[in-house]
Amino acid sequence: MKKPFLLLALLSVFTLTQAPAEEGFVPLFDGKTMDGWKNPYQWGHIEVVDGEIHLTGEKKFFVVTEKTYSDFIFEGEVKLPEGQANSGFMFRAHVQPNKVFGYQAEVDGNADRKWSGGLYDEGRRMWFISPIKGDKESEAAFRARAGDAFKRNDWNTYRITCQGNKLKIEVNGVVTTDVEDDKDASGVIAIQHHGEKGATYKFRNLRIKELK
């Protein structure tokens, strides 16, 4: 008769130890609507399917949050389509009509390059730090950090932490980027369709915890 009580006690301990990781997070996507999001482009199609955001289109576009964020921990899952594909989670980004620019956590569909989890500066400095494009030492160091964390044909969990000038990106629990940069202090969160005709980019479980 003691075993059920022991199992219950163990489950209670597990629940208590897991709770702090969840505390303070709020959903950015309710699983049913695109409330809180907008498409600043004149093209691109958005559909909510079974708790997922599906993006399709024939040109690159981003869907952005209506709210801006400064210091936070963001988490989200992404699944790339088969074939040629590339995406990203924008953060502290800036919005203009038919344009989004700024920090991006790379979602790289190129199985040879393996730059998922890198920090790309969309519309500005591009690959300026993690890795530095064309710098063989920097590229090799990035691949050593990232390893095989990204799963090309599966869902991948990204975690982005911004606090002051400190920027950290994790892919499936692996720290791929941990740098300091003071270019942007706040901005929107965004998700990307890279523009491949007929391709569907999928996102789910988007949430954020603002830091004080």
N, C-alpha and C. Protein backbone atom coordinates (compact mmCIF):
# COMPACT_ATOMS: atom_id res chain seq x y z
N MET A 1 0.81 -1.22 0.00
CA MET A 1 0.00 0.00 0.00
C MET A 1 0.84 1.26 0.00
N LYS A 2 2.15 1.13 0.31
CA LYS A 2 2.99 2.32 0.41
C LYS A 2 3.42 2.83 -0.96
N LYS A 3 3.44 1.93 -1.96
CA LYS A 3 3.95 2.32 -3.27
C LYS A 3 3.18 3.47 -3.90
N PRO A 4 1.83 3.46 -3.88
CA PRO A 4 1.10 4.59 -4.47
C PRO A 4 1.44 5.92 -3.81
N PHE A 5 1.63 5.88 -2.46
CA PHE A 5 1.98 7.11 -1.76
C PHE A 5 3.37 7.58 -2.14
N LEU A 6 4.29 6.62 -2.31
CA LEU A 6 5.65 6.95 -2.72
C LEU A 6 5.66 7.56 -4.12
N LEU A 7 4.88 6.96 -5.02
CA LEU A 7 4.79 7.47 -6.39
C LEU A 7 4.21 8.87 -6.40
N LEU A 8 3.17 9.09 -5.59
CA LEU A 8 2.55 10.41 -5.51
C LEU A 8 3.53 11.44 -4.98
N ALA A 9 4.32 11.04 -3.99
CA ALA A 9 5.32 11.95 -3.42
C ALA A 9 6.38 12.32 -4.45
N LEU A 10 6.83 11.31 -5.21
CA LEU A 10 7.83 11.56 -6.24
C LEU A 10 7.29 12.48 -7.33
N LEU A 11 6.04 12.27 -7.72
CA LEU A 11 5.41 13.13 -8.73
C LEU A 11 5.29 14.55 -8.22
N SER A 12 4.98 14.69 -6.94
CA SER A 12 4.85 16.03 -6.34
C SER A 12 6.18 16.76 -6.35
N VAL A 13 7.26 16.03 -6.02
CA VAL A 13 8.59 16.62 -6.03
C VAL A 13 8.97 17.03 -7.44
N PHE A 14 8.66 16.14 -8.43
CA PHE A 14 8.96 16.45 -9.83
C PHE A 14 8.23 17.70 -10.28
N THR A 15 6.96 17.80 -9.92
CA THR A 15 6.15 18.96 -10.31
C THR A 15 6.71 20.23 -9.72
N LEU A 16 7.12 20.17 -8.46
CA LEU A 16 7.65 21.35 -7.79
C LEU A 16 8.98 21.79 -8.41
N THR A 17 9.80 20.82 -8.78
CA THR A 17 11.09 21.17 -9.37
C THR A 17 10.94 21.70 -10.78
N GLN A 18 9.85 21.34 -11.48
CA GLN A 18 9.65 21.80 -12.84
C GLN A 18 8.97 23.17 -12.89
N ALA A 19 8.19 23.50 -11.87
CA ALA A 19 7.36 24.70 -11.90
C ALA A 19 8.13 26.00 -12.14
N PRO A 20 9.31 26.22 -11.50
CA PRO A 20 9.99 27.50 -11.69
C PRO A 20 10.33 27.82 -13.13
N ALA A 21 10.60 26.77 -13.95
CA ALA A 21 10.95 26.99 -15.35
C ALA A 21 9.77 27.57 -16.13
N GLU A 22 8.54 27.29 -15.67
CA GLU A 22 7.36 27.75 -16.37
C GLU A 22 6.84 29.09 -15.84
N GLU A 23 7.25 29.44 -14.65
CA GLU A 23 6.69 30.61 -13.98
C GLU A 23 6.98 31.89 -14.75
N GLY A 24 5.96 32.69 -14.93
CA GLY A 24 6.13 34.00 -15.54
C GLY A 24 5.96 34.03 -17.05
N PHE A 25 5.86 32.88 -17.71
CA PHE A 25 5.68 32.86 -19.16
C PHE A 25 4.21 33.12 -19.52
N VAL A 26 4.01 33.86 -20.58
CA VAL A 26 2.66 34.08 -21.11
C VAL A 26 2.67 33.71 -22.59
N PRO A 27 1.58 33.15 -23.10
CA PRO A 27 1.55 32.76 -24.51
C PRO A 27 1.50 33.99 -25.44
N LEU A 28 2.22 33.90 -26.54
CA LEU A 28 2.13 34.91 -27.60
C LEU A 28 1.15 34.48 -28.68
N PHE A 29 0.80 33.20 -28.67
CA PHE A 29 -0.11 32.62 -29.65
C PHE A 29 -1.10 31.74 -28.91
N ASP A 30 -2.40 32.03 -29.07
CA ASP A 30 -3.42 31.30 -28.31
C ASP A 30 -3.80 29.96 -28.92
N GLY A 31 -3.20 29.62 -30.06
CA GLY A 31 -3.47 28.34 -30.70
C GLY A 31 -4.70 28.32 -31.58
N LYS A 32 -5.45 29.44 -31.59
CA LYS A 32 -6.69 29.49 -32.35
C LYS A 32 -6.78 30.69 -33.30
N THR A 33 -6.23 31.82 -32.88
CA THR A 33 -6.32 33.05 -33.66
C THR A 33 -4.95 33.70 -33.75
N MET A 34 -4.85 34.74 -34.57
CA MET A 34 -3.62 35.51 -34.67
C MET A 34 -3.74 36.82 -33.90
N ASP A 35 -4.54 36.82 -32.86
CA ASP A 35 -4.66 38.00 -32.01
C ASP A 35 -3.28 38.37 -31.46
N GLY A 36 -2.94 39.65 -31.54
CA GLY A 36 -1.66 40.12 -31.05
C GLY A 36 -0.56 40.12 -32.10
N TRP A 37 -0.90 39.68 -33.33
CA TRP A 37 0.06 39.62 -34.43
C TRP A 37 -0.47 40.39 -35.64
N LYS A 38 0.44 40.78 -36.53
CA LYS A 38 0.03 41.44 -37.76
C LYS A 38 1.05 41.14 -38.87
N ASN A 39 0.58 41.26 -40.10
CA ASN A 39 1.45 41.10 -41.27
C ASN A 39 1.67 42.48 -41.87
N PRO A 40 2.88 43.04 -41.77
CA PRO A 40 3.13 44.37 -42.30
C PRO A 40 3.39 44.40 -43.81
N TYR A 41 3.23 43.25 -44.45
CA TYR A 41 3.47 43.14 -45.90
C TYR A 41 2.15 43.11 -46.66
N GLN A 42 2.23 43.42 -47.93
CA GLN A 42 1.06 43.36 -48.80
C GLN A 42 0.89 41.98 -49.41
N TRP A 43 1.70 41.03 -48.98
CA TRP A 43 1.62 39.66 -49.48
C TRP A 43 1.84 38.70 -48.30
N GLY A 44 1.66 37.43 -48.56
CA GLY A 44 1.83 36.41 -47.53
C GLY A 44 0.50 35.95 -46.98
N HIS A 45 0.39 34.63 -46.75
CA HIS A 45 -0.84 34.05 -46.24
C HIS A 45 -0.59 33.39 -44.89
N ILE A 46 -1.49 33.63 -43.94
CA ILE A 46 -1.38 33.07 -42.59
C ILE A 46 -2.61 32.22 -42.30
N GLU A 47 -2.39 31.03 -41.79
CA GLU A 47 -3.50 30.16 -41.41
C GLU A 47 -3.18 29.47 -40.09
N VAL A 48 -4.17 29.36 -39.22
CA VAL A 48 -4.01 28.62 -37.97
C VAL A 48 -4.61 27.23 -38.16
N VAL A 49 -3.78 26.20 -37.96
CA VAL A 49 -4.20 24.81 -38.19
C VAL A 49 -3.79 23.96 -36.98
N ASP A 50 -4.77 23.44 -36.26
CA ASP A 50 -4.50 22.51 -35.16
C ASP A 50 -3.45 23.05 -34.18
N GLY A 51 -3.61 24.29 -33.79
CA GLY A 51 -2.71 24.88 -32.81
C GLY A 51 -1.37 25.31 -33.36
N GLU A 52 -1.26 25.37 -34.68
CA GLU A 52 -0.02 25.79 -35.33
C GLU A 52 -0.27 26.98 -36.24
N ILE A 53 0.73 27.83 -36.40
CA ILE A 53 0.69 28.91 -37.39
C ILE A 53 1.34 28.40 -38.66
N HIS A 54 0.62 28.43 -39.78
CA HIS A 54 1.15 28.01 -41.06
C HIS A 54 1.31 29.24 -41.96
N LEU A 55 2.52 29.45 -42.45
CA LEU A 55 2.80 30.57 -43.35
C LEU A 55 3.09 30.05 -44.75
N THR A 56 2.42 30.63 -45.74
CA THR A 56 2.70 30.31 -47.14
C THR A 56 2.81 31.60 -47.92
N GLY A 57 3.52 31.56 -49.04
CA GLY A 57 3.68 32.76 -49.85
C GLY A 57 4.66 32.53 -50.98
N GLU A 58 4.81 33.54 -51.80
CA GLU A 58 5.72 33.47 -52.94
C GLU A 58 6.88 34.45 -52.82
N LYS A 59 6.84 35.29 -51.78
CA LYS A 59 7.94 36.21 -51.49
C LYS A 59 8.18 36.20 -49.99
N LYS A 60 9.40 36.54 -49.59
CA LYS A 60 9.74 36.56 -48.17
C LYS A 60 8.88 37.56 -47.42
N PHE A 61 8.39 37.13 -46.24
CA PHE A 61 7.66 38.05 -45.39
C PHE A 61 7.77 37.61 -43.93
N PHE A 62 7.49 38.54 -43.04
CA PHE A 62 7.52 38.28 -41.61
C PHE A 62 6.16 38.65 -41.01
N VAL A 63 5.75 37.89 -40.02
CA VAL A 63 4.57 38.21 -39.22
C VAL A 63 5.07 38.65 -37.86
N VAL A 64 4.62 39.80 -37.38
CA VAL A 64 5.21 40.42 -36.20
C VAL A 64 4.20 40.60 -35.07
N THR A 65 4.72 40.67 -33.85
CA THR A 65 3.85 40.97 -32.71
C THR A 65 3.46 42.44 -32.74
N GLU A 66 2.27 42.73 -32.24
CA GLU A 66 1.83 44.11 -32.15
C GLU A 66 2.55 44.84 -31.01
N LYS A 67 3.01 44.07 -30.04
CA LYS A 67 3.69 44.64 -28.89
C LYS A 67 5.20 44.54 -29.06
N THR A 68 5.93 45.49 -28.48
CA THR A 68 7.39 45.44 -28.47
C THR A 68 7.88 44.93 -27.12
N TYR A 69 9.09 44.36 -27.14
CA TYR A 69 9.67 43.77 -25.94
C TYR A 69 11.12 44.20 -25.81
N SER A 70 11.58 44.30 -24.57
CA SER A 70 12.95 44.73 -24.30
C SER A 70 13.78 43.59 -23.73
N ASP A 71 13.65 43.32 -22.44
CA ASP A 71 14.37 42.22 -21.80
C ASP A 71 13.40 41.07 -21.57
N PHE A 72 13.77 39.87 -22.01
CA PHE A 72 12.81 38.76 -21.98
C PHE A 72 13.49 37.43 -22.23
N ILE A 73 12.73 36.37 -21.98
CA ILE A 73 13.06 35.02 -22.46
C ILE A 73 11.92 34.61 -23.38
N PHE A 74 12.23 34.33 -24.61
CA PHE A 74 11.24 33.90 -25.59
C PHE A 74 11.48 32.43 -25.93
N GLU A 75 10.39 31.69 -26.08
CA GLU A 75 10.49 30.31 -26.55
C GLU A 75 9.48 30.08 -27.67
N GLY A 76 9.89 29.29 -28.65
CA GLY A 76 9.00 28.95 -29.75
C GLY A 76 9.51 27.73 -30.49
N GLU A 77 8.58 27.05 -31.16
CA GLU A 77 8.94 25.88 -31.95
C GLU A 77 8.70 26.16 -33.43
N VAL A 78 9.57 25.63 -34.26
CA VAL A 78 9.47 25.83 -35.70
C VAL A 78 9.76 24.52 -36.42
N LYS A 79 9.06 24.32 -37.54
CA LYS A 79 9.32 23.17 -38.40
C LYS A 79 9.41 23.66 -39.84
N LEU A 80 10.54 23.40 -40.47
CA LEU A 80 10.76 23.84 -41.85
C LEU A 80 10.11 22.88 -42.84
N PRO A 81 9.72 23.39 -44.01
CA PRO A 81 9.24 22.50 -45.06
C PRO A 81 10.40 21.73 -45.67
N GLU A 82 10.08 20.69 -46.41
CA GLU A 82 11.12 19.93 -47.10
C GLU A 82 11.70 20.77 -48.23
N GLY A 83 12.87 20.37 -48.69
CA GLY A 83 13.51 21.10 -49.79
C GLY A 83 14.24 22.33 -49.31
N GLN A 84 14.47 23.25 -50.23
CA GLN A 84 15.18 24.48 -49.88
C GLN A 84 14.32 25.31 -48.93
N ALA A 85 14.88 25.66 -47.79
CA ALA A 85 14.10 26.39 -46.79
C ALA A 85 15.02 27.12 -45.83
N ASN A 86 14.53 28.22 -45.32
CA ASN A 86 15.27 29.03 -44.36
C ASN A 86 14.29 29.92 -43.63
N SER A 87 14.47 30.07 -42.34
CA SER A 87 13.54 30.89 -41.57
C SER A 87 14.28 31.50 -40.39
N GLY A 88 13.50 32.05 -39.45
CA GLY A 88 14.12 32.63 -38.27
C GLY A 88 13.09 33.23 -37.34
N PHE A 89 13.52 33.44 -36.11
CA PHE A 89 12.75 34.18 -35.12
C PHE A 89 13.42 35.54 -34.98
N MET A 90 12.71 36.58 -35.38
CA MET A 90 13.21 37.94 -35.19
C MET A 90 12.94 38.37 -33.76
N PHE A 91 13.81 39.19 -33.20
CA PHE A 91 13.59 39.71 -31.86
C PHE A 91 14.22 41.10 -31.73
N ARG A 92 13.59 41.93 -30.90
CA ARG A 92 13.96 43.35 -30.81
C ARG A 92 14.04 43.95 -32.21
N ALA A 93 13.14 43.53 -33.07
CA ALA A 93 13.19 43.92 -34.48
C ALA A 93 12.35 45.17 -34.74
N HIS A 94 12.53 45.73 -35.92
CA HIS A 94 11.87 46.97 -36.32
C HIS A 94 11.00 46.74 -37.54
N VAL A 95 9.89 47.47 -37.61
CA VAL A 95 8.89 47.25 -38.65
C VAL A 95 8.63 48.51 -39.45
N GLN A 96 8.65 48.37 -40.76
CA GLN A 96 8.23 49.39 -41.70
C GLN A 96 7.30 48.73 -42.70
N PRO A 97 6.54 49.49 -43.49
CA PRO A 97 5.69 48.85 -44.50
C PRO A 97 6.51 47.96 -45.43
N ASN A 98 6.12 46.70 -45.52
CA ASN A 98 6.79 45.71 -46.37
C ASN A 98 8.25 45.48 -46.01
N LYS A 99 8.60 45.72 -44.73
CA LYS A 99 9.99 45.53 -44.32
C LYS A 99 10.07 45.27 -42.81
N VAL A 100 10.87 44.26 -42.44
CA VAL A 100 11.21 44.01 -41.04
C VAL A 100 12.73 43.82 -40.99
N PHE A 101 13.38 44.45 -40.02
CA PHE A 101 14.83 44.33 -39.94
C PHE A 101 15.29 44.28 -38.49
N GLY A 102 16.48 43.70 -38.29
CA GLY A 102 17.05 43.60 -36.96
C GLY A 102 17.54 42.20 -36.63
N TYR A 103 17.65 41.92 -35.35
CA TYR A 103 18.17 40.64 -34.88
C TYR A 103 17.29 39.47 -35.32
N GLN A 104 17.96 38.39 -35.72
CA GLN A 104 17.23 37.17 -36.08
C GLN A 104 17.99 35.93 -35.61
N ALA A 105 17.28 35.05 -34.92
CA ALA A 105 17.83 33.74 -34.59
C ALA A 105 17.62 32.84 -35.79
N GLU A 106 18.70 32.43 -36.42
CA GLU A 106 18.65 31.71 -37.68
C GLU A 106 18.04 30.32 -37.55
N VAL A 107 17.18 29.98 -38.51
CA VAL A 107 16.66 28.62 -38.67
C VAL A 107 17.13 28.17 -40.06
N ASP A 108 18.19 27.39 -40.09
CA ASP A 108 18.90 27.09 -41.33
C ASP A 108 18.52 25.72 -41.87
N GLY A 109 17.93 25.71 -43.06
CA GLY A 109 17.55 24.45 -43.69
C GLY A 109 18.66 23.78 -44.46
N ASN A 110 19.82 24.42 -44.54
CA ASN A 110 20.95 23.86 -45.27
C ASN A 110 21.70 22.88 -44.37
N ALA A 111 21.58 21.60 -44.66
CA ALA A 111 22.17 20.57 -43.81
C ALA A 111 23.69 20.58 -43.85
N ASP A 112 24.27 21.23 -44.85
CA ASP A 112 25.73 21.31 -44.95
C ASP A 112 26.27 22.52 -44.17
N ARG A 113 25.55 23.63 -44.25
CA ARG A 113 26.02 24.86 -43.58
C ARG A 113 25.85 24.77 -42.07
N LYS A 114 24.68 24.34 -41.61
CA LYS A 114 24.40 24.14 -40.18
C LYS A 114 24.60 25.41 -39.36
N TRP A 115 23.93 26.48 -39.77
CA TRP A 115 24.04 27.72 -39.00
C TRP A 115 22.80 28.00 -38.16
N SER A 116 21.96 27.03 -37.93
CA SER A 116 20.80 27.22 -37.06
C SER A 116 21.24 27.64 -35.67
N GLY A 117 20.59 28.68 -35.15
CA GLY A 117 20.97 29.21 -33.85
C GLY A 117 21.98 30.33 -33.94
N GLY A 118 22.40 30.65 -35.16
CA GLY A 118 23.29 31.79 -35.35
C GLY A 118 22.53 33.10 -35.21
N LEU A 119 23.26 34.19 -35.05
CA LEU A 119 22.66 35.52 -34.93
C LEU A 119 22.87 36.28 -36.23
N TYR A 120 21.79 36.51 -36.95
CA TYR A 120 21.81 37.24 -38.23
C TYR A 120 21.18 38.61 -38.01
N ASP A 121 21.77 39.62 -38.62
CA ASP A 121 21.21 40.98 -38.52
C ASP A 121 20.52 41.29 -39.84
N GLU A 122 19.22 40.97 -39.90
CA GLU A 122 18.41 41.11 -41.11
C GLU A 122 18.36 42.57 -41.58
N GLY A 123 18.74 42.78 -42.85
CA GLY A 123 18.65 44.11 -43.44
C GLY A 123 19.73 45.08 -43.02
N ARG A 124 20.74 44.60 -42.25
CA ARG A 124 21.79 45.51 -41.80
C ARG A 124 23.16 44.84 -41.89
N ARG A 125 23.69 44.35 -40.78
CA ARG A 125 25.07 43.85 -40.74
C ARG A 125 25.20 42.39 -41.16
N MET A 126 24.09 41.71 -41.34
CA MET A 126 24.05 40.30 -41.75
C MET A 126 24.82 39.41 -40.76
N TRP A 127 25.75 38.57 -41.23
CA TRP A 127 26.48 37.66 -40.35
C TRP A 127 27.68 38.39 -39.76
N PHE A 128 27.44 39.11 -38.67
CA PHE A 128 28.47 40.00 -38.13
C PHE A 128 29.18 39.47 -36.89
N ILE A 129 28.62 38.38 -36.27
CA ILE A 129 29.22 37.99 -34.99
C ILE A 129 29.16 36.50 -34.68
N SER A 130 28.06 35.82 -34.95
CA SER A 130 27.92 34.42 -34.51
C SER A 130 27.16 33.58 -35.53
N PRO A 131 27.86 33.13 -36.61
CA PRO A 131 29.28 33.34 -36.89
C PRO A 131 29.52 34.58 -37.74
N ILE A 132 30.77 34.90 -37.94
CA ILE A 132 31.16 35.95 -38.89
C ILE A 132 31.35 35.28 -40.24
N LYS A 133 30.51 35.63 -41.20
CA LYS A 133 30.59 34.97 -42.50
C LYS A 133 31.92 35.26 -43.18
N GLY A 134 32.53 34.20 -43.69
CA GLY A 134 33.81 34.34 -44.37
C GLY A 134 35.01 34.18 -43.47
N ASP A 135 34.79 34.21 -42.16
CA ASP A 135 35.86 33.99 -41.19
C ASP A 135 35.85 32.50 -40.83
N LYS A 136 36.77 31.76 -41.37
CA LYS A 136 36.77 30.30 -41.21
C LYS A 136 36.84 29.88 -39.75
N GLU A 137 37.61 30.61 -38.95
CA GLU A 137 37.73 30.27 -37.54
C GLU A 137 36.41 30.48 -36.81
N SER A 138 35.75 31.59 -37.12
CA SER A 138 34.46 31.89 -36.50
C SER A 138 33.40 30.88 -36.92
N GLU A 139 33.38 30.53 -38.20
CA GLU A 139 32.40 29.56 -38.70
C GLU A 139 32.63 28.19 -38.07
N ALA A 140 33.89 27.78 -37.95
CA ALA A 140 34.21 26.48 -37.35
C ALA A 140 33.82 26.46 -35.88
N ALA A 141 34.07 27.56 -35.18
CA ALA A 141 33.73 27.63 -33.76
C ALA A 141 32.22 27.56 -33.57
N PHE A 142 31.48 28.19 -34.47
CA PHE A 142 30.02 28.12 -34.36
C PHE A 142 29.52 26.70 -34.57
N ARG A 143 30.01 26.04 -35.59
CA ARG A 143 29.57 24.67 -35.86
C ARG A 143 29.92 23.74 -34.70
N ALA A 144 31.04 24.00 -34.05
CA ALA A 144 31.42 23.19 -32.89
C ALA A 144 30.45 23.41 -31.74
N ARG A 145 29.99 24.65 -31.56
CA ARG A 145 29.02 24.94 -30.50
C ARG A 145 27.66 24.32 -30.81
N ALA A 146 27.20 24.52 -32.03
CA ALA A 146 25.84 24.11 -32.41
C ALA A 146 25.74 22.60 -32.62
N GLY A 147 26.79 22.00 -33.14
CA GLY A 147 26.77 20.56 -33.40
C GLY A 147 25.57 20.14 -34.23
N ASP A 148 24.89 19.10 -33.79
CA ASP A 148 23.71 18.59 -34.48
C ASP A 148 22.44 18.89 -33.69
N ALA A 149 22.45 20.02 -32.98
CA ALA A 149 21.30 20.39 -32.15
C ALA A 149 20.03 20.54 -32.98
N PHE A 150 20.15 21.12 -34.16
CA PHE A 150 18.98 21.35 -35.01
C PHE A 150 18.58 20.08 -35.75
N LYS A 151 17.29 19.77 -35.70
CA LYS A 151 16.76 18.59 -36.38
C LYS A 151 16.03 19.03 -37.66
N ARG A 152 16.63 18.74 -38.80
CA ARG A 152 16.16 19.31 -40.06
C ARG A 152 14.71 19.00 -40.39
N ASN A 153 14.25 17.80 -40.13
CA ASN A 153 12.90 17.42 -40.54
C ASN A 153 11.96 17.20 -39.35
N ASP A 154 12.20 17.96 -38.29
CA ASP A 154 11.39 17.80 -37.09
C ASP A 154 11.12 19.18 -36.49
N TRP A 155 10.33 19.19 -35.43
CA TRP A 155 10.11 20.41 -34.68
C TRP A 155 11.37 20.75 -33.88
N ASN A 156 11.68 22.04 -33.82
CA ASN A 156 12.84 22.51 -33.07
C ASN A 156 12.42 23.63 -32.12
N THR A 157 12.90 23.53 -30.88
CA THR A 157 12.57 24.53 -29.87
C THR A 157 13.69 25.56 -29.75
N TYR A 158 13.33 26.82 -29.94
CA TYR A 158 14.27 27.92 -29.80
C TYR A 158 13.98 28.66 -28.50
N ARG A 159 15.03 29.07 -27.84
CA ARG A 159 14.93 29.88 -26.62
C ARG A 159 15.87 31.07 -26.79
N ILE A 160 15.32 32.27 -26.72
CA ILE A 160 16.10 33.50 -26.92
C ILE A 160 16.01 34.32 -25.64
N THR A 161 17.17 34.66 -25.09
CA THR A 161 17.22 35.46 -23.87
C THR A 161 17.91 36.79 -24.17
N CYS A 162 17.22 37.88 -23.87
CA CYS A 162 17.76 39.22 -24.04
C CYS A 162 17.71 39.95 -22.70
N GLN A 163 18.85 40.42 -22.23
CA GLN A 163 18.89 41.20 -21.00
C GLN A 163 20.00 42.22 -21.14
N GLY A 164 19.58 43.48 -21.27
CA GLY A 164 20.56 44.52 -21.56
C GLY A 164 21.21 44.26 -22.91
N ASN A 165 22.54 44.27 -22.94
CA ASN A 165 23.23 44.02 -24.21
C ASN A 165 23.61 42.55 -24.38
N LYS A 166 23.12 41.69 -23.50
CA LYS A 166 23.45 40.27 -23.58
C LYS A 166 22.36 39.53 -24.38
N LEU A 167 22.80 38.79 -25.39
CA LEU A 167 21.90 38.06 -26.28
C LEU A 167 22.30 36.59 -26.30
N LYS A 168 21.36 35.72 -26.00
CA LYS A 168 21.66 34.28 -26.01
C LYS A 168 20.59 33.54 -26.79
N ILE A 169 21.04 32.60 -27.63
CA ILE A 169 20.14 31.76 -28.42
C ILE A 169 20.44 30.31 -28.10
N GLU A 170 19.39 29.54 -27.84
CA GLU A 170 19.52 28.10 -27.61
C GLU A 170 18.62 27.36 -28.59
N VAL A 171 19.12 26.25 -29.11
CA VAL A 171 18.35 25.39 -30.02
C VAL A 171 18.26 24.01 -29.40
N ASN A 172 17.05 23.61 -29.06
CA ASN A 172 16.84 22.30 -28.42
C ASN A 172 17.74 22.11 -27.21
N GLY A 173 17.90 23.18 -26.43
CA GLY A 173 18.67 23.12 -25.19
C GLY A 173 20.16 23.36 -25.33
N VAL A 174 20.65 23.54 -26.55
CA VAL A 174 22.07 23.78 -26.79
C VAL A 174 22.31 25.27 -27.02
N VAL A 175 23.24 25.85 -26.27
CA VAL A 175 23.57 27.26 -26.45
C VAL A 175 24.41 27.41 -27.71
N THR A 176 23.86 28.08 -28.71
CA THR A 176 24.55 28.26 -29.98
C THR A 176 25.16 29.66 -30.12
N THR A 177 24.55 30.63 -29.45
CA THR A 177 25.02 32.01 -29.51
C THR A 177 24.92 32.62 -28.12
N ASP A 178 25.99 33.25 -27.67
CA ASP A 178 26.00 33.94 -26.37
C ASP A 178 26.96 35.12 -26.51
N VAL A 179 26.39 36.28 -26.85
CA VAL A 179 27.20 37.44 -27.21
C VAL A 179 26.68 38.70 -26.54
N GLU A 180 27.43 39.79 -26.72
CA GLU A 180 26.99 41.10 -26.28
C GLU A 180 26.94 42.04 -27.48
N ASP A 181 25.85 42.79 -27.59
CA ASP A 181 25.69 43.75 -28.68
C ASP A 181 24.64 44.77 -28.26
N ASP A 182 24.88 46.04 -28.53
CA ASP A 182 23.97 47.09 -28.06
C ASP A 182 23.27 47.83 -29.19
N LYS A 183 23.14 47.16 -30.33
CA LYS A 183 22.49 47.80 -31.48
C LYS A 183 21.02 48.12 -31.20
N ASP A 184 20.30 47.18 -30.60
CA ASP A 184 18.87 47.36 -30.34
C ASP A 184 18.54 47.00 -28.89
N ALA A 185 17.70 47.83 -28.27
CA ALA A 185 17.30 47.59 -26.88
C ALA A 185 15.88 47.03 -26.78
N SER A 186 15.08 47.23 -27.82
CA SER A 186 13.70 46.73 -27.79
C SER A 186 13.16 46.62 -29.21
N GLY A 187 12.06 45.91 -29.35
CA GLY A 187 11.43 45.75 -30.66
C GLY A 187 10.46 44.60 -30.64
N VAL A 188 9.98 44.22 -31.81
CA VAL A 188 8.96 43.18 -31.93
C VAL A 188 9.60 41.80 -32.03
N ILE A 189 8.78 40.78 -31.81
CA ILE A 189 9.10 39.40 -32.13
C ILE A 189 8.46 39.11 -33.49
N ALA A 190 9.14 38.32 -34.32
CA ALA A 190 8.57 38.01 -35.64
C ALA A 190 8.94 36.60 -36.06
N ILE A 191 8.10 36.03 -36.93
CA ILE A 191 8.36 34.72 -37.53
C ILE A 191 8.42 34.90 -39.05
N GLN A 192 9.17 34.04 -39.72
CA GLN A 192 9.49 34.27 -41.13
C GLN A 192 9.08 33.15 -42.08
N HIS A 193 8.58 33.57 -43.23
CA HIS A 193 8.49 32.70 -44.41
C HIS A 193 9.53 33.21 -45.40
N HIS A 194 10.37 32.31 -45.90
CA HIS A 194 11.50 32.71 -46.72
C HIS A 194 11.15 32.98 -48.17
N GLY A 195 9.94 32.60 -48.60
CA GLY A 195 9.49 32.96 -49.94
C GLY A 195 9.42 31.84 -50.96
N GLU A 196 9.70 30.61 -50.54
CA GLU A 196 9.64 29.50 -51.50
C GLU A 196 8.17 29.18 -51.83
N LYS A 197 7.82 29.27 -53.10
CA LYS A 197 6.45 29.03 -53.54
C LYS A 197 6.01 27.60 -53.21
N GLY A 198 4.85 27.48 -52.60
CA GLY A 198 4.30 26.17 -52.26
C GLY A 198 4.78 25.60 -50.94
N ALA A 199 5.73 26.27 -50.29
CA ALA A 199 6.27 25.78 -49.03
C ALA A 199 5.47 26.31 -47.84
N THR A 200 5.27 25.47 -46.84
CA THR A 200 4.55 25.87 -45.63
C THR A 200 5.49 25.84 -44.44
N TYR A 201 5.67 26.98 -43.81
CA TYR A 201 6.48 27.09 -42.60
C TYR A 201 5.55 27.02 -41.40
N LYS A 202 5.92 26.21 -40.40
CA LYS A 202 5.03 25.97 -39.28
C LYS A 202 5.67 26.43 -37.96
N PHE A 203 4.83 27.04 -37.10
CA PHE A 203 5.27 27.53 -35.80
C PHE A 203 4.22 27.17 -34.75
N ARG A 204 4.68 26.95 -33.52
CA ARG A 204 3.74 26.65 -32.44
C ARG A 204 4.40 26.95 -31.09
N ASN A 205 3.57 26.94 -30.04
CA ASN A 205 4.04 27.10 -28.66
C ASN A 205 4.93 28.33 -28.48
N LEU A 206 4.45 29.45 -28.99
CA LEU A 206 5.20 30.71 -28.84
C LEU A 206 4.84 31.35 -27.52
N ARG A 207 5.83 31.68 -26.71
CA ARG A 207 5.57 32.28 -25.42
C ARG A 207 6.72 33.16 -24.99
N ILE A 208 6.48 34.00 -23.99
CA ILE A 208 7.52 34.95 -23.56
C ILE A 208 7.41 35.23 -22.07
N LYS A 209 8.55 35.46 -21.49
CA LYS A 209 8.63 35.90 -20.08
C LYS A 209 9.43 37.18 -20.05
N GLU A 210 8.78 38.27 -19.71
CA GLU A 210 9.49 39.55 -19.64
C GLU A 210 10.31 39.61 -18.36
N LEU A 211 11.52 40.15 -18.48
CA LEU A 211 12.45 40.25 -17.36
C LEU A 211 12.50 41.69 -16.86
N LYS A 212 12.62 41.84 -15.58
CA LYS A 212 12.67 43.18 -14.98
C LYS A 212 14.11 43.55 -14.65
